[in-house]
Protein backbone atom coordinates (compact mmCIF):
# COMPACT_ATOMS: atom_id res chain seq x y z
CA MET A 1 -14.40 6.39 19.26
CA ILE A 2 -12.50 3.19 16.99
CA ILE A 3 -9.90 0.56 18.45
CA ILE A 4 -7.58 -1.34 16.81
CA PRO A 5 -6.37 -4.34 18.56
CA ALA A 6 -2.54 -4.46 16.87
CA ARG A 7 -0.90 -8.17 18.32
CA LEU A 8 2.81 -8.20 16.71
CA ALA A 9 2.74 -12.39 16.93
CA SER A 10 1.05 -13.80 13.94
CA THR A 11 0.61 -18.35 13.11
CA ARG A 12 -0.05 -17.13 9.32
CA PHE A 13 2.08 -14.58 8.93
CA PRO A 14 4.40 -13.36 11.09
CA ASN A 15 4.63 -9.50 12.22
CA LYS A 16 2.25 -9.26 9.32
CA ILE A 17 0.91 -5.79 11.07
CA LEU A 18 4.80 -4.84 10.30
CA CYS A 19 4.67 -5.34 6.73
CA ASP A 20 5.16 -1.61 4.21
CA ILE A 21 1.89 -0.39 3.12
CA GLU A 22 1.99 2.66 0.71
CA GLY A 23 5.61 3.44 2.81
CA VAL A 24 4.28 2.79 7.03
CA PRO A 25 3.59 0.26 8.58
CA MET A 26 -0.10 -1.64 8.03
CA PHE A 27 -1.56 -1.00 11.41
CA ILE A 28 -0.26 2.49 11.02
CA LYS A 29 -2.33 2.55 7.78
CA SER A 30 -5.49 0.93 9.13
CA ALA A 31 -5.35 3.33 11.54
CA GLN A 32 -4.86 6.65 9.10
CA ASN A 33 -7.25 5.15 7.04
CA ALA A 34 -9.56 4.67 10.12
CA GLN A 35 -9.42 8.51 11.50
CA ALA A 36 -11.06 9.93 8.32
CA ILE A 37 -14.04 9.11 10.62
CA ASP A 38 -13.60 8.79 14.20
CA ASP A 39 -11.49 8.91 16.82
CA VAL A 40 -8.69 6.41 16.94
CA VAL A 41 -6.66 4.42 19.49
CA LEU A 42 -4.16 1.57 18.91
CA ALA A 43 -4.31 -1.31 21.33
CA VAL A 44 -0.48 -2.45 20.93
CA ASP A 45 1.08 -5.37 22.61
CA SER A 46 4.86 -4.65 22.36
CA LYS A 47 6.96 -1.40 23.13
CA GLN A 48 8.34 -1.29 19.69
CA THR A 49 4.95 -0.91 18.03
CA TYR A 50 4.24 1.71 20.68
CA ASP A 51 6.99 3.14 20.31
CA ILE A 52 6.01 3.38 15.61
CA ALA A 53 2.25 4.16 16.74
CA ARG A 54 3.51 8.20 19.07
CA GLN A 55 6.16 8.26 15.67
CA HIS A 56 2.92 8.32 13.70
CA LYS A 57 1.23 10.66 16.25
CA ILE A 58 -1.45 8.08 16.35
CA LYS A 59 -2.64 7.17 19.90
CA ALA A 60 -1.82 3.80 21.42
CA VAL A 61 -2.44 2.45 24.94
CA LEU A 62 0.25 -0.88 25.89
CA THR A 63 -2.00 -3.88 26.68
CA HIS A 64 -0.87 -7.41 27.96
CA PRO A 65 0.98 -9.53 25.00
CA ASP A 66 -1.05 -12.41 26.51
CA ILE A 67 -4.86 -11.26 25.89
CA PRO A 68 -6.37 -14.43 23.88
CA ASN A 69 -8.41 -12.61 21.23
CA GLY A 70 -8.86 -8.84 19.52
CA SER A 71 -12.18 -7.55 21.21
CA LEU A 72 -10.76 -8.38 24.67
CA ARG A 73 -7.97 -6.46 24.02
CA VAL A 74 -10.32 -3.82 22.70
CA LEU A 75 -11.61 -3.93 26.33
CA GLU A 76 -8.96 -3.48 28.55
CA ALA A 77 -7.76 -0.62 25.56
CA ALA A 78 -11.34 0.82 27.14
CA ARG A 79 -10.59 0.66 30.80
CA ILE A 80 -7.02 2.06 30.52
CA LEU A 81 -8.91 5.22 28.76
CA GLY A 82 -11.82 4.98 30.44
CA LEU A 83 -14.70 4.75 28.59
CA LYS A 84 -18.54 4.88 29.57
CA ASP A 85 -20.73 1.84 29.88
CA ASP A 86 -22.71 3.24 26.81
CA SER A 87 -20.01 4.19 24.77
CA ILE A 88 -19.82 2.76 21.10
CA ILE A 89 -16.61 1.23 20.00
CA ILE A 90 -15.64 -0.07 17.04
CA ASN A 91 -13.19 -2.52 16.75
CA LEU A 92 -11.44 -2.41 13.74
CA GLN A 93 -8.57 -5.03 12.44
CA ALA A 94 -4.99 -3.95 11.85
CA ASP A 95 -4.85 -5.50 8.48
CA GLU A 96 -7.63 -3.47 7.00
CA PRO A 97 -5.76 -0.66 5.46
CA PHE A 98 -8.03 -0.18 2.71
CA LEU A 99 -11.72 -1.16 4.42
CA GLU A 100 -14.45 1.82 2.57
CA HIS A 101 -15.35 4.67 5.70
CA LYS A 102 -18.67 3.68 4.15
CA VAL A 103 -18.34 0.25 5.68
CA ILE A 104 -17.04 1.95 9.22
CA THR A 105 -20.30 3.89 8.83
CA ALA A 106 -22.42 1.19 8.22
CA LEU A 107 -21.41 -0.40 11.14
CA GLN A 108 -21.89 2.48 13.36
CA ASN A 109 -25.56 3.27 12.08
CA CYS A 110 -26.08 -1.01 13.58
CA MET A 111 -25.13 -0.12 16.90
CA GLN A 112 -29.10 0.56 18.27
CA HIS A 113 -29.71 -0.20 22.53
CA ASN A 114 -31.35 -3.40 22.05
CA ILE A 115 -28.39 -5.36 19.97
CA PHE A 116 -25.51 -7.07 22.03
CA MET A 117 -23.04 -6.66 19.20
CA ALA A 118 -22.88 -5.74 15.57
CA THR A 119 -20.58 -6.46 12.39
CA CYS A 120 -20.47 -6.50 8.16
CA VAL A 121 -20.63 -8.81 5.72
CA LYS A 122 -20.44 -8.51 1.91
CA HIS A 123 -21.95 -10.78 -0.82
CA ILE A 124 -18.81 -13.28 -2.11
CA THR A 125 -18.23 -15.52 -5.04
CA TYR A 126 -18.50 -19.60 -4.89
CA GLU A 127 -14.52 -19.20 -5.18
CA GLN A 128 -14.01 -17.09 -2.88
CA ALA A 129 -15.72 -18.78 -0.11
CA GLN A 130 -13.85 -21.80 -0.65
CA ASN A 131 -11.15 -19.74 1.16
CA PRO A 132 -10.61 -20.16 4.96
CA ASN A 133 -9.26 -17.63 5.82
CA LEU A 134 -12.69 -15.97 4.48
CA VAL A 135 -14.87 -16.13 7.27
CA LYS A 136 -19.10 -17.13 5.98
CA VAL A 137 -21.55 -16.37 7.74
CA ILE A 138 -25.84 -17.24 7.96
CA VAL A 139 -27.81 -14.31 8.44
CA ASN A 140 -31.54 -14.65 9.80
CA HIS A 141 -34.37 -12.52 8.53
CA LEU A 142 -33.95 -10.33 11.42
CA GLU A 143 -30.29 -9.37 9.70
CA HIS A 144 -28.68 -11.23 12.57
CA ALA A 145 -26.35 -13.67 12.62
CA ILE A 146 -26.65 -17.11 13.10
CA TYR A 147 -23.32 -18.79 12.43
CA PHE A 148 -20.04 -17.98 11.27
CA SER A 149 -17.73 -20.55 9.71
CA ARG A 150 -14.41 -20.92 7.76
CA SER A 151 -16.42 -24.04 5.47
CA PRO A 152 -17.92 -22.74 2.89
CA ILE A 153 -21.46 -22.19 4.68
CA PRO A 154 -24.75 -22.97 3.61
CA PHE A 155 -23.81 -26.55 2.01
CA TYR A 156 -25.04 -26.68 -1.23
CA ARG A 157 -26.52 -30.59 -0.99
CA ASP A 158 -28.40 -30.41 -4.32
CA SER A 159 -26.23 -29.64 -7.89
CA ILE A 160 -26.01 -26.27 -8.25
CA GLN A 161 -24.15 -24.00 -10.75
CA PHE A 162 -21.86 -22.19 -9.04
CA THR A 163 -23.15 -18.59 -9.99
CA GLN A 164 -26.22 -19.36 -8.60
CA ALA A 165 -24.41 -19.92 -4.47
CA HIS A 166 -24.95 -17.60 -2.76
CA TYR A 167 -22.66 -16.44 0.22
CA LEU A 168 -22.21 -13.64 2.52
CA GLY A 169 -18.30 -13.24 3.71
CA HIS A 170 -17.66 -11.46 6.93
CA LEU A 171 -15.24 -8.33 7.33
CA GLY A 172 -13.05 -8.03 10.08
CA LEU A 173 -14.59 -5.44 12.35
CA TYR A 174 -17.38 -5.43 14.84
CA GLY A 175 -19.34 -3.03 17.04
CA PHE A 176 -19.74 -2.77 21.01
CA PHE A 177 -20.93 -0.99 23.94
CA LYS A 178 -18.67 -0.56 26.51
CA ALA A 179 -20.96 -2.26 28.80
CA THR A 180 -21.59 -5.45 26.14
CA LEU A 181 -17.86 -5.67 25.83
CA GLU A 182 -17.33 -5.95 29.81
CA GLU A 183 -20.21 -8.71 29.30
CA TYR A 184 -18.83 -10.84 26.49
CA ALA A 185 -15.38 -10.81 28.80
CA MET A 186 -17.34 -12.61 31.67
CA LEU A 187 -18.66 -15.13 29.44
CA PRO A 188 -16.92 -18.29 29.42
CA GLU A 189 -14.43 -19.63 26.36
CA THR A 190 -16.31 -21.98 24.16
CA GLN A 191 -15.18 -24.84 22.09
CA LEU A 192 -16.73 -23.82 18.91
CA GLU A 193 -14.94 -20.76 18.93
CA ASN A 194 -11.48 -23.14 19.20
CA ILE A 195 -12.83 -24.91 16.95
CA GLU A 196 -12.81 -22.23 14.56
CA LYS A 197 -10.64 -19.88 15.91
CA LEU A 198 -13.44 -17.05 15.80
CA GLU A 199 -13.78 -15.34 19.17
CA GLN A 200 -17.61 -14.04 17.85
CA LEU A 201 -19.07 -17.69 17.89
CA ARG A 202 -18.66 -17.35 22.11
CA ALA A 203 -21.50 -14.56 21.39
CA ILE A 204 -23.18 -17.00 19.38
CA PHE A 205 -23.08 -19.45 21.52
CA TYR A 206 -24.62 -17.31 24.33
CA GLY A 207 -27.03 -16.88 22.49
CA LYS A 208 -26.02 -12.95 22.08
CA THR A 209 -27.66 -11.00 19.66
CA ILE A 210 -25.21 -9.56 16.43
CA LYS A 211 -26.73 -7.41 14.37
CA VAL A 212 -25.45 -7.53 10.69
CA ALA A 213 -24.52 -5.12 7.86
CA CYS A 214 -24.86 -6.00 4.53
CA VAL A 215 -22.72 -3.91 2.33
CA GLU A 216 -20.66 -3.12 -0.50
CA SER A 217 -16.62 -3.50 -0.36
CA LYS A 218 -13.76 -4.61 -2.18
CA SER A 219 -11.09 -4.01 0.51
CA ILE A 220 -8.88 -6.95 1.21
CA GLY A 221 -8.21 -7.80 4.59
CA ILE A 222 -4.43 -8.97 4.48
CA ASP A 223 -4.24 -12.19 6.40
CA THR A 224 -1.46 -14.05 4.53
CA LYS A 225 1.76 -13.28 2.17
CA GLU A 226 -0.81 -14.29 -0.61
CA ASP A 227 -3.65 -11.72 0.22
CA LEU A 228 -0.81 -8.76 0.29
CA GLU A 229 0.31 -9.81 -2.87
CA LYS A 230 -3.47 -9.49 -4.07
CA ALA A 231 -3.79 -5.92 -2.89
CA ARG A 232 -0.39 -4.88 -3.58
CA LYS A 233 -1.74 -5.54 -7.82
CA GLN A 234 -5.61 -4.55 -6.45
CA TYR A 235 -4.17 -1.25 -5.65
CA GLY A 236 -0.89 -0.33 -7.02
CA PHE A 237 2.21 -0.35 -4.60
CA HIS A 238 5.17 -1.51 -3.80
């Protein structure tokens, strides 16, 4: 099952999930796109977005507005839905309306019973790596994440041509089992996740395995108004 946390408040781009994407609100467009892969539920935090979901015939559950991050909002939705501990849950962001279906499928294929959670990355350029809204990832030989950061990592100490720099950019989706999502919720909040504003750093801090699938994707996650303009140019909508 795919659960999309759709929080109305946003510090960088207020009410961004309501912005128009090809005639529908962005969070609805993200849900419609993901429906081609699996059952989709929106985990909303307001009656306004709940009513919009119903108007578009997308299943939604109303979660508490004060939940601090997307993974915990997904967990509340999973509890409301009564999902079993071995259920595979894909946490897809509401600001990914153009994410390729093959990316979601690659994440589903990552879900093995010996991992805590999974996510996806793609190769990005030196210029893209300078953007703090595009999170960078370091991965080890087992394809497990070592660290996530808004800073460009790794740092090239010695002089290097920009074209030779190698960076991995994080894509906004995670895979959990319902049981590991419950375990994540029991882990104490960490300083690292609050510094970087990256919820997955809680799992890293406590030594949990995050399996990484490296994929090809041209999708634009819409974090800012500038991202929205880029998406309009790339996908040709108004």
